[in-house]
Amino acid sequence: MIAHLLKIDLKKLANYRTFWVVCGLYFFTLGMTTASGMEFLKWLVRMGAEFGADINISRIPLYHFPDVWQNLTFISGFFKGILGFMVVISITNEFTYRTVRQNIIDGLSRQQFMLSKVLTNALLSIMSMVMVYVIALVTGLIYSPSISMTDLVMDLEFFPAYFLEVFAFLSFALLLGVSIQRSGLTIVILVLAPMIEAIIRANVDDYVPWLIPYFPLESISNLVPMPFQRYVFREIQDYVSVASVVVVLFWTFAFNYLAYLKLKRSDI
C-alpha cells in the first residue's frame, strides 16, 4: 500500500517540469555549497577578508572527520526552504487543477491522499540526507589528514537529525499548502514564517524565555547545533539533544495531522 501511494504521487510529479527544475536547483545548490566550503574560505582571503592573525584558513578542519558530519548537516539545513517551495507548489496544484478531487473520485480516500504526500516528503528528506552524507564522506576522505574507523562512525546521529529537520519543515510547508491552497500566497507566508515567529519570540522572551526552544521553526532549526564556534576555541554542543528531537517529532506529527484534518473538512 505504501509503495502504491508513493508511486501515485511520484507519477504526478514525474511529468511536472517545475518539480524537476526546483529539485535540480536544490540538489545542485546543496552539492556546490557543501562541497566547496574550503575553496570559498580561500576565495574570501584572496578578496581581502580578515580572519585574525592567529587563524590559518587552510588549517580549519571544516572537512575533517568527525567535524564534517555536524558541519555539513548544519550548513545543509539552510537550503530546506527550496524543497519547501516544491512541496507548496505540488500540493496547491492539486487543488488548482482539481487532481485531488479526481483521485478521490477514482477511489483514493482523503487519508490515503494525505499519506501519499507525507511519503513523498519523507522520500525527498531521505534523498537530501543521503546526498549530504555522500558529500561529507567524500570531502572527509579527501581533506582529513588521518582516518580511523572511530572517526567514520562518530557523530553520525546528525544525519537522522538532519532528516528530521528537513521532514519537519516539509510537513510545515504541506500544512500551509493544504490550508491556503494558493501557491503564491503560501510561498510568501512560508518565507515570512521565520520572521513572524522571530517577532513573536522577541515579544515573549522577557516573560517566558523557557518557551523559546519549543517554538516550531526555532526547534526545527536547533536540531543540528551551530558547530563553527569550535574554530575560535569556544565550547559548542556537539551532539543531538534528545529533548530537541522529541519537540520536533511533536511538531511534525501536529503539522501532518492538522493538514489531514483540514483536507478532511475541505470541500474539494
C-alpha atoms as a PDB file:
ATOM      1  CA  MET A   1       0.000   0.000   0.000  1.00  0.00           C
ATOM      2  CA  ILE A   2       2.773   2.454   0.938  1.00  0.00           C
ATOM      3  CA  ALA A   3       4.674   1.788  -2.289  1.00  0.00           C
ATOM      4  CA  HIS A   4       1.448   2.150  -4.285  1.00  0.00           C
ATOM      5  CA  LEU A   5       0.589   5.525  -2.722  1.00  0.00           C
ATOM      6  CA  LEU A   6       4.112   6.808  -3.229  1.00  0.00           C
ATOM      7  CA  LYS A   7       4.038   5.670  -6.838  1.00  0.00           C
ATOM      8  CA  ILE A   8       0.781   7.558  -7.439  1.00  0.00           C
ATOM      9  CA  ASP A   9       2.210  10.828  -6.168  1.00  0.00           C
ATOM     10  CA  LEU A  10       5.553  10.445  -7.920  1.00  0.00           C
ATOM     11  CA  LYS A  11       3.785   9.682 -11.197  1.00  0.00           C
ATOM     12  CA  LYS A  12       2.021  13.051 -10.997  1.00  0.00           C
ATOM     13  CA  LEU A  13       5.287  14.829 -10.249  1.00  0.00           C
ATOM     14  CA  ALA A  14       7.305  12.989 -12.904  1.00  0.00           C
ATOM     15  CA  ASN A  15       5.647  14.887 -15.765  1.00  0.00           C
ATOM     16  CA  TYR A  16       5.733  18.219 -13.938  1.00  0.00           C
ATOM     17  CA  ARG A  17       8.635  20.290 -15.256  1.00  0.00           C
ATOM     18  CA  THR A  18       8.702  22.684 -12.317  1.00  0.00           C
ATOM     19  CA  PHE A  19       9.302  19.733  -9.988  1.00  0.00           C
ATOM     20  CA  TRP A  20      12.465  18.760 -11.830  1.00  0.00           C
ATOM     21  CA  VAL A  21      13.661  22.370 -12.114  1.00  0.00           C
ATOM     22  CA  VAL A  22      13.211  23.109  -8.401  1.00  0.00           C
ATOM     23  CA  CYS A  23      14.621  19.763  -7.275  1.00  0.00           C
ATOM     24  CA  GLY A  24      17.550  20.141  -9.649  1.00  0.00           C
ATOM     25  CA  LEU A  25      18.194  23.633  -8.326  1.00  0.00           C
ATOM     26  CA  TYR A  26      18.013  22.378  -4.755  1.00  0.00           C
ATOM     27  CA  PHE A  27      20.390  19.457  -5.145  1.00  0.00           C
ATOM     28  CA  PHE A  28      22.806  21.451  -7.322  1.00  0.00           C
ATOM     29  CA  THR A  29      22.916  24.316  -4.824  1.00  0.00           C
ATOM     30  CA  LEU A  30      23.208  21.925  -1.901  1.00  0.00           C
ATOM     31  CA  GLY A  31      26.031  19.989  -3.530  1.00  0.00           C
ATOM     32  CA  MET A  32      28.013  23.008  -4.699  1.00  0.00           C
ATOM     33  CA  THR A  33      27.690  24.831  -1.383  1.00  0.00           C
ATOM     34  CA  THR A  34      28.571  21.971   0.924  1.00  0.00           C
ATOM     35  CA  ALA A  35      31.414  20.639  -1.223  1.00  0.00           C
ATOM     36  CA  SER A  36      33.156  23.955  -1.831  1.00  0.00           C
ATOM     37  CA  GLY A  37      33.416  25.379   1.683  1.00  0.00           C
ATOM     38  CA  MET A  38      37.215  25.428   1.826  1.00  0.00           C
ATOM     39  CA  GLU A  39      37.521  26.973  -1.618  1.00  0.00           C
ATOM     40  CA  PHE A  40      35.033  29.646  -0.570  1.00  0.00           C
ATOM     41  CA  LEU A  41      37.088  30.486   2.533  1.00  0.00           C
ATOM     42  CA  LYS A  42      40.254  30.697   0.440  1.00  0.00           C
ATOM     43  CA  TRP A  43      38.467  32.975  -2.014  1.00  0.00           C
ATOM     44  CA  LEU A  44      37.450  35.275   0.838  1.00  0.00           C
ATOM     45  CA  VAL A  45      41.113  35.509   1.884  1.00  0.00           C
ATOM     46  CA  ARG A  46      42.140  36.371  -1.687  1.00  0.00           C
ATOM     47  CA  MET A  47      39.452  39.062  -1.714  1.00  0.00           C
ATOM     48  CA  GLY A  48      40.998  40.601   1.402  1.00  0.00           C
ATOM     49  CA  ALA A  49      38.808  39.196   4.182  1.00  0.00           C
ATOM     50  CA  GLU A  50      40.428  39.265   7.616  1.00  0.00           C
ATOM     51  CA  PHE A  51      40.050  36.236   9.897  1.00  0.00           C
ATOM     52  CA  GLY A  52      42.602  37.229  12.506  1.00  0.00           C
ATOM     53  CA  ALA A  53      46.333  36.747  12.685  1.00  0.00           C
ATOM     54  CA  ASP A  54      46.004  33.531  14.680  1.00  0.00           C
ATOM     55  CA  ILE A  55      43.628  31.824  12.230  1.00  0.00           C
ATOM     56  CA  ASN A  56      45.056  29.963   9.250  1.00  0.00           C
ATOM     57  CA  ILE A  57      42.199  29.265   6.845  1.00  0.00           C
ATOM     58  CA  SER A  58      43.932  26.275   5.294  1.00  0.00           C
ATOM     59  CA  ARG A  59      44.188  24.689   8.733  1.00  0.00           C
ATOM     60  CA  ILE A  60      40.485  24.998   9.668  1.00  0.00           C
ATOM     61  CA  PRO A  61      39.308  21.363   9.810  1.00  0.00           C
ATOM     62  CA  LEU A  62      35.979  22.090   8.119  1.00  0.00           C
ATOM     63  CA  TYR A  63      36.008  18.754   6.314  1.00  0.00           C
ATOM     64  CA  HIS A  64      37.973  16.685   8.793  1.00  0.00           C
ATOM     65  CA  PHE A  65      36.379  13.651  10.421  1.00  0.00           C
ATOM     66  CA  PRO A  66      34.363  13.720  12.620  1.00  0.00           C
ATOM     67  CA  ASP A  67      33.706  17.510  12.430  1.00  0.00           C
ATOM     68  CA  VAL A  68      32.496  17.220   8.847  1.00  0.00           C
ATOM     69  CA  TRP A  69      29.293  15.392   9.877  1.00  0.00           C
ATOM     70  CA  GLN A  70      27.990  18.243  12.015  1.00  0.00           C
ATOM     71  CA  ASN A  71      29.427  20.984   9.807  1.00  0.00           C
ATOM     72  CA  LEU A  72      27.715  19.883   6.607  1.00  0.00           C
ATOM     73  CA  THR A  73      24.386  18.885   8.149  1.00  0.00           C
ATOM     74  CA  PHE A  74      24.215  22.322   9.773  1.00  0.00           C
ATOM     75  CA  ILE A  75      25.035  24.153   6.527  1.00  0.00           C
ATOM     76  CA  SER A  76      22.615  21.995   4.527  1.00  0.00           C
ATOM     77  CA  GLY A  77      19.748  22.954   6.796  1.00  0.00           C
ATOM     78  CA  PHE A  78      19.713  26.447   5.274  1.00  0.00           C
ATOM     79  CA  PHE A  79      18.560  25.079   1.920  1.00  0.00           C
ATOM     80  CA  LYS A  80      15.480  23.161   3.035  1.00  0.00           C
ATOM     81  CA  GLY A  81      13.326  26.143   2.086  1.00  0.00           C
ATOM     82  CA  ILE A  82      13.862  25.340  -1.613  1.00  0.00           C
ATOM     83  CA  LEU A  83      12.303  21.915  -1.096  1.00  0.00           C
ATOM     84  CA  GLY A  84       9.563  23.619   0.899  1.00  0.00           C
ATOM     85  CA  PHE A  85       8.668  25.673  -2.195  1.00  0.00           C
ATOM     86  CA  MET A  86       8.402  22.442  -4.173  1.00  0.00           C
ATOM     87  CA  VAL A  87       6.037  20.921  -1.634  1.00  0.00           C
ATOM     88  CA  VAL A  88       3.877  24.061  -1.653  1.00  0.00           C
ATOM     89  CA  ILE A  89       3.667  24.124  -5.454  1.00  0.00           C
ATOM     90  CA  SER A  90       2.901  20.397  -5.542  1.00  0.00           C
ATOM     91  CA  ILE A  91       0.051  20.438  -3.026  1.00  0.00           C
ATOM     92  CA  THR A  92      -1.520  23.705  -4.191  1.00  0.00           C
ATOM     93  CA  ASN A  93      -1.567  22.444  -7.786  1.00  0.00           C
ATOM     94  CA  GLU A  94      -3.650  19.509  -6.559  1.00  0.00           C
ATOM     95  CA  PHE A  95      -6.375  21.992  -5.618  1.00  0.00           C
ATOM     96  CA  THR A  96      -5.868  24.335  -8.570  1.00  0.00           C
ATOM     97  CA  TYR A  97      -6.203  21.578 -11.173  1.00  0.00           C
ATOM     98  CA  ARG A  98      -8.652  19.502  -9.106  1.00  0.00           C
ATOM     99  CA  THR A  99      -6.475  16.402  -9.220  1.00  0.00           C
ATOM    100  CA  VAL A 100      -7.210  15.807  -5.535  1.00  0.00           C
ATOM    101  CA  ARG A 101     -10.914  15.561  -6.421  1.00  0.00           C
ATOM    102  CA  GLN A 102     -10.143  13.202  -9.287  1.00  0.00           C
ATOM    103  CA  ASN A 103      -8.008  10.989  -7.038  1.00  0.00           C
ATOM    104  CA  ILE A 104     -10.827  10.702  -4.520  1.00  0.00           C
ATOM    105  CA  ILE A 105     -13.409  10.025  -7.249  1.00  0.00           C
ATOM    106  CA  ASP A 106     -11.116   7.267  -8.513  1.00  0.00           C
ATOM    107  CA  GLY A 107     -11.251   5.596  -5.089  1.00  0.00           C
ATOM    108  CA  LEU A 108      -8.435   7.151  -3.084  1.00  0.00           C
ATOM    109  CA  SER A 109      -9.521   8.174   0.411  1.00  0.00           C
ATOM    110  CA  ARG A 110      -8.513  11.550   1.813  1.00  0.00           C
ATOM    111  CA  GLN A 111      -6.334   9.773   4.343  1.00  0.00           C
ATOM    112  CA  GLN A 112      -4.555   7.873   1.568  1.00  0.00           C
ATOM    113  CA  PHE A 113      -4.115  11.064  -0.459  1.00  0.00           C
ATOM    114  CA  MET A 114      -2.518  12.811   2.525  1.00  0.00           C
ATOM    115  CA  LEU A 115      -0.337   9.786   3.244  1.00  0.00           C
ATOM    116  CA  SER A 116       0.957   9.886  -0.345  1.00  0.00           C
ATOM    117  CA  LYS A 117       2.097  13.477   0.220  1.00  0.00           C
ATOM    118  CA  VAL A 118       3.726  12.613   3.549  1.00  0.00           C
ATOM    119  CA  LEU A 119       5.556   9.702   1.928  1.00  0.00           C
ATOM    120  CA  THR A 120       6.834  11.967  -0.847  1.00  0.00           C
ATOM    121  CA  ASN A 121       8.100  14.417   1.776  1.00  0.00           C
ATOM    122  CA  ALA A 122       9.855  11.556   3.541  1.00  0.00           C
ATOM    123  CA  LEU A 123      11.454  10.419   0.272  1.00  0.00           C
ATOM    124  CA  LEU A 124      12.730  13.920  -0.511  1.00  0.00           C
ATOM    125  CA  SER A 125      14.143  14.165   3.022  1.00  0.00           C
ATOM    126  CA  ILE A 126      15.899  10.809   2.692  1.00  0.00           C
ATOM    127  CA  MET A 127      17.377  11.790  -0.688  1.00  0.00           C
ATOM    128  CA  SER A 128      18.659  15.033   0.808  1.00  0.00           C
ATOM    129  CA  MET A 129      20.160  13.225   3.788  1.00  0.00           C
ATOM    130  CA  VAL A 130      21.884  10.636   1.583  1.00  0.00           C
ATOM    131  CA  MET A 131      23.332  13.345  -0.666  1.00  0.00           C
ATOM    132  CA  VAL A 132      24.734  15.277   2.292  1.00  0.00           C
ATOM    133  CA  TYR A 133      26.180  12.075   3.731  1.00  0.00           C
ATOM    134  CA  VAL A 134      27.917  11.195   0.456  1.00  0.00           C
ATOM    135  CA  ILE A 135      29.357  14.714   0.119  1.00  0.00           C
ATOM    136  CA  ALA A 136      30.520  14.684   3.752  1.00  0.00           C
ATOM    137  CA  LEU A 137      32.099  11.248   3.327  1.00  0.00           C
ATOM    138  CA  VAL A 138      33.922  12.126   0.097  1.00  0.00           C
ATOM    139  CA  THR A 139      35.179  15.516   1.307  1.00  0.00           C
ATOM    140  CA  GLY A 140      36.167  13.988   4.622  1.00  0.00           C
ATOM    141  CA  LEU A 141      38.216  11.315   2.858  1.00  0.00           C
ATOM    142  CA  ILE A 142      39.881  13.999   0.738  1.00  0.00           C
ATOM    143  CA  TYR A 143      40.715  16.556   3.413  1.00  0.00           C
ATOM    144  CA  SER A 144      41.194  14.556   6.613  1.00  0.00           C
ATOM    145  CA  PRO A 145      44.898  14.119   7.444  1.00  0.00           C
ATOM    146  CA  SER A 146      44.200  10.800   9.137  1.00  0.00           C
ATOM    147  CA  ILE A 147      41.224   8.470   9.060  1.00  0.00           C
ATOM    148  CA  SER A 148      40.132   5.878  11.577  1.00  0.00           C
ATOM    149  CA  MET A 149      37.026   3.753  11.849  1.00  0.00           C
ATOM    150  CA  THR A 150      36.110   5.618  15.034  1.00  0.00           C
ATOM    151  CA  ASP A 151      36.083   8.905  13.140  1.00  0.00           C
ATOM    152  CA  LEU A 152      33.903   7.418  10.409  1.00  0.00           C
ATOM    153  CA  VAL A 153      31.169   6.295  12.796  1.00  0.00           C
ATOM    154  CA  MET A 154      31.390   9.050  15.420  1.00  0.00           C
ATOM    155  CA  ASP A 155      28.607  11.695  15.418  1.00  0.00           C
ATOM    156  CA  LEU A 156      26.564  10.033  12.685  1.00  0.00           C
ATOM    157  CA  GLU A 157      23.437  10.883  14.672  1.00  0.00           C
ATOM    158  CA  PHE A 158      23.497  14.274  12.954  1.00  0.00           C
ATOM    159  CA  PHE A 159      22.168  12.655   9.777  1.00  0.00           C
ATOM    160  CA  PRO A 160      18.910  11.290  11.273  1.00  0.00           C
ATOM    161  CA  ALA A 161      18.572  14.697  12.946  1.00  0.00           C
ATOM    162  CA  TYR A 162      19.051  16.387   9.579  1.00  0.00           C
ATOM    163  CA  PHE A 163      16.442  14.087   8.016  1.00  0.00           C
ATOM    164  CA  LEU A 164      14.006  15.033  10.762  1.00  0.00           C
ATOM    165  CA  GLU A 165      14.803  18.733  10.299  1.00  0.00           C
ATOM    166  CA  VAL A 166      14.007  18.607   6.579  1.00  0.00           C
ATOM    167  CA  PHE A 167      10.961  16.346   7.006  1.00  0.00           C
ATOM    168  CA  ALA A 168       9.509  18.557   9.755  1.00  0.00           C
ATOM    169  CA  PHE A 169       9.925  21.680   7.621  1.00  0.00           C
ATOM    170  CA  LEU A 170       8.337  19.991   4.602  1.00  0.00           C
ATOM    171  CA  SER A 171       5.447  18.932   6.850  1.00  0.00           C
ATOM    172  CA  PHE A 172       5.023  22.581   7.829  1.00  0.00           C
ATOM    173  CA  ALA A 173       5.013  23.556   4.134  1.00  0.00           C
ATOM    174  CA  LEU A 174       2.435  20.833   3.467  1.00  0.00           C
ATOM    175  CA  LEU A 175       0.172  22.201   6.207  1.00  0.00           C
ATOM    176  CA  LEU A 176       0.385  25.719   4.761  1.00  0.00           C
ATOM    177  CA  GLY A 177      -0.348  24.429   1.256  1.00  0.00           C
ATOM    178  CA  VAL A 178      -3.393  22.439   2.326  1.00  0.00           C
ATOM    179  CA  SER A 179      -4.698  25.317   4.443  1.00  0.00           C
ATOM    180  CA  ILE A 180      -4.229  28.171   1.936  1.00  0.00           C
ATOM    181  CA  GLN A 181      -4.411  26.262  -1.369  1.00  0.00           C
ATOM    182  CA  ARG A 182      -2.839  29.117  -3.373  1.00  0.00           C
ATOM    183  CA  SER A 183       0.795  28.701  -4.318  1.00  0.00           C
ATOM    184  CA  GLY A 184       1.835  32.358  -4.452  1.00  0.00           C
ATOM    185  CA  LEU A 185       0.311  33.345  -1.125  1.00  0.00           C
ATOM    186  CA  THR A 186       1.516  30.137   0.536  1.00  0.00           C
ATOM    187  CA  ILE A 187       5.114  30.687  -0.595  1.00  0.00           C
ATOM    188  CA  VAL A 188       5.025  34.255   0.721  1.00  0.00           C
ATOM    189  CA  ILE A 189       3.784  33.039   4.109  1.00  0.00           C
ATOM    190  CA  LEU A 190       6.378  30.241   4.123  1.00  0.00           C
ATOM    191  CA  VAL A 191       9.133  32.809   3.516  1.00  0.00           C
ATOM    192  CA  LEU A 192       7.773  35.188   6.147  1.00  0.00           C
ATOM    193  CA  ALA A 193       7.043  32.490   8.756  1.00  0.00           C
ATOM    194  CA  PRO A 194      10.544  32.564  10.347  1.00  0.00           C
ATOM    195  CA  MET A 195      10.361  36.362  10.602  1.00  0.00           C
ATOM    196  CA  ILE A 196       6.866  36.241  12.110  1.00  0.00           C
ATOM    197  CA  GLU A 197       7.954  33.635  14.632  1.00  0.00           C
ATOM    198  CA  ALA A 198      11.071  35.664  15.470  1.00  0.00           C
ATOM    199  CA  ILE A 199       8.901  38.709  16.233  1.00  0.00           C
ATOM    200  CA  ILE A 200       6.678  36.612  18.488  1.00  0.00           C
ATOM    201  CA  ARG A 201       9.720  35.126  20.244  1.00  0.00           C
ATOM    202  CA  ALA A 202      11.150  38.594  20.832  1.00  0.00           C
ATOM    203  CA  ASN A 203       7.925  39.693  22.488  1.00  0.00           C
ATOM    204  CA  VAL A 204       7.663  36.694  24.824  1.00  0.00           C
ATOM    205  CA  ASP A 205      11.373  36.347  25.604  1.00  0.00           C
ATOM    206  CA  ASP A 206      11.211  38.721  28.568  1.00  0.00           C
ATOM    207  CA  TYR A 207       8.234  36.941  30.099  1.00  0.00           C
ATOM    208  CA  VAL A 208       8.574  33.215  29.360  1.00  0.00           C
ATOM    209  CA  PRO A 209      12.096  32.660  27.969  1.00  0.00           C
ATOM    210  CA  TRP A 210      11.858  28.932  28.684  1.00  0.00           C
ATOM    211  CA  LEU A 211       9.193  28.726  25.965  1.00  0.00           C
ATOM    212  CA  ILE A 212      11.522  29.844  23.136  1.00  0.00           C
ATOM    213  CA  PRO A 213      13.049  26.401  22.330  1.00  0.00           C
ATOM    214  CA  TYR A 214       9.535  24.974  21.888  1.00  0.00           C
ATOM    215  CA  PHE A 215       8.542  27.257  19.032  1.00  0.00           C
ATOM    216  CA  PRO A 216       8.111  25.128  15.887  1.00  0.00           C
ATOM    217  CA  LEU A 217      10.582  26.717  13.463  1.00  0.00           C
ATOM    218  CA  GLU A 218      13.048  27.515  16.240  1.00  0.00           C
ATOM    219  CA  SER A 219      13.047  23.912  17.442  1.00  0.00           C
ATOM    220  CA  ILE A 220      13.461  22.614  13.890  1.00  0.00           C
ATOM    221  CA  SER A 221      16.446  24.892  13.238  1.00  0.00           C
ATOM    222  CA  ASN A 222      18.066  23.935  16.541  1.00  0.00           C
ATOM    223  CA  LEU A 223      18.103  20.187  15.868  1.00  0.00           C
ATOM    224  CA  VAL A 224      21.633  20.425  14.479  1.00  0.00           C
ATOM    225  CA  PRO A 225      23.502  22.998  16.632  1.00  0.00           C
ATOM    226  CA  MET A 226      25.845  25.548  15.064  1.00  0.00           C
ATOM    227  CA  PRO A 227      29.330  23.982  15.113  1.00  0.00           C
ATOM    228  CA  PHE A 228      31.654  26.749  13.956  1.00  0.00           C
ATOM    229  CA  GLN A 229      32.398  28.311  17.334  1.00  0.00           C
ATOM    230  CA  ARG A 230      34.763  25.389  17.894  1.00  0.00           C
ATOM    231  CA  TYR A 231      37.215  27.027  15.496  1.00  0.00           C
ATOM    232  CA  VAL A 232      37.516  30.109  17.690  1.00  0.00           C
ATOM    233  CA  PHE A 233      38.026  27.874  20.722  1.00  0.00           C
ATOM    234  CA  ARG A 234      34.525  28.187  22.113  1.00  0.00           C
ATOM    235  CA  GLU A 235      32.552  25.368  23.650  1.00  0.00           C
ATOM    236  CA  ILE A 236      29.787  24.001  21.435  1.00  0.00           C
ATOM    237  CA  GLN A 237      27.012  21.431  21.620  1.00  0.00           C
ATOM    238  CA  ASP A 238      28.462  18.609  19.544  1.00  0.00           C
ATOM    239  CA  TYR A 239      25.569  16.204  19.957  1.00  0.00           C
ATOM    240  CA  VAL A 240      21.868  15.971  19.119  1.00  0.00           C
ATOM    241  CA  SER A 241      19.665  16.764  22.093  1.00  0.00           C
ATOM    242  CA  VAL A 242      17.020  14.131  22.831  1.00  0.00           C
ATOM    243  CA  ALA A 243      14.709  16.871  24.106  1.00  0.00           C
ATOM    244  CA  SER A 244      15.019  18.715  20.771  1.00  0.00           C
ATOM    245  CA  VAL A 245      14.179  15.545  18.869  1.00  0.00           C
ATOM    246  CA  VAL A 246      11.054  14.976  20.976  1.00  0.00           C
ATOM    247  CA  VAL A 247       9.864  18.555  20.421  1.00  0.00           C
ATOM    248  CA  VAL A 248      10.375  18.356  16.656  1.00  0.00           C
ATOM    249  CA  LEU A 249       8.677  14.956  16.473  1.00  0.00           C
ATOM    250  CA  PHE A 250       5.673  16.509  18.208  1.00  0.00           C
ATOM    251  CA  TRP A 251       5.526  19.403  15.737  1.00  0.00           C
ATOM    252  CA  THR A 252       5.992  17.065  12.765  1.00  0.00           C
ATOM    253  CA  PHE A 253       3.056  14.944  13.884  1.00  0.00           C
ATOM    254  CA  ALA A 254       0.996  18.081  14.579  1.00  0.00           C
ATOM    255  CA  PHE A 255       1.694  19.574  11.132  1.00  0.00           C
ATOM    256  CA  ASN A 256       0.706  16.408   9.286  1.00  0.00           C
ATOM    257  CA  TYR A 257      -2.331  15.696  11.457  1.00  0.00           C
ATOM    258  CA  LEU A 258      -3.637  19.262  11.137  1.00  0.00           C
ATOM    259  CA  ALA A 259      -3.117  19.081   7.363  1.00  0.00           C
ATOM    260  CA  TYR A 260      -5.154  15.886   7.285  1.00  0.00           C
ATOM    261  CA  LEU A 261      -7.946  17.442   9.367  1.00  0.00           C
ATOM    262  CA  LYS A 262      -8.040  20.444   7.030  1.00  0.00           C
ATOM    263  CA  LEU A 263      -8.203  18.194   3.968  1.00  0.00           C
ATOM    264  CA  LYS A 264     -10.860  16.025   5.611  1.00  0.00           C
ATOM    265  CA  ARG A 265     -13.124  19.034   6.204  1.00  0.00           C
ATOM    266  CA  SER A 266     -12.425  20.801   2.898  1.00  0.00           C
ATOM    267  CA  ASP A 267     -14.957  20.933   0.112  1.00  0.00           C
ATOM    268  CA  ILE A 268     -12.911  19.639  -2.797  1.00  0.00           C
END
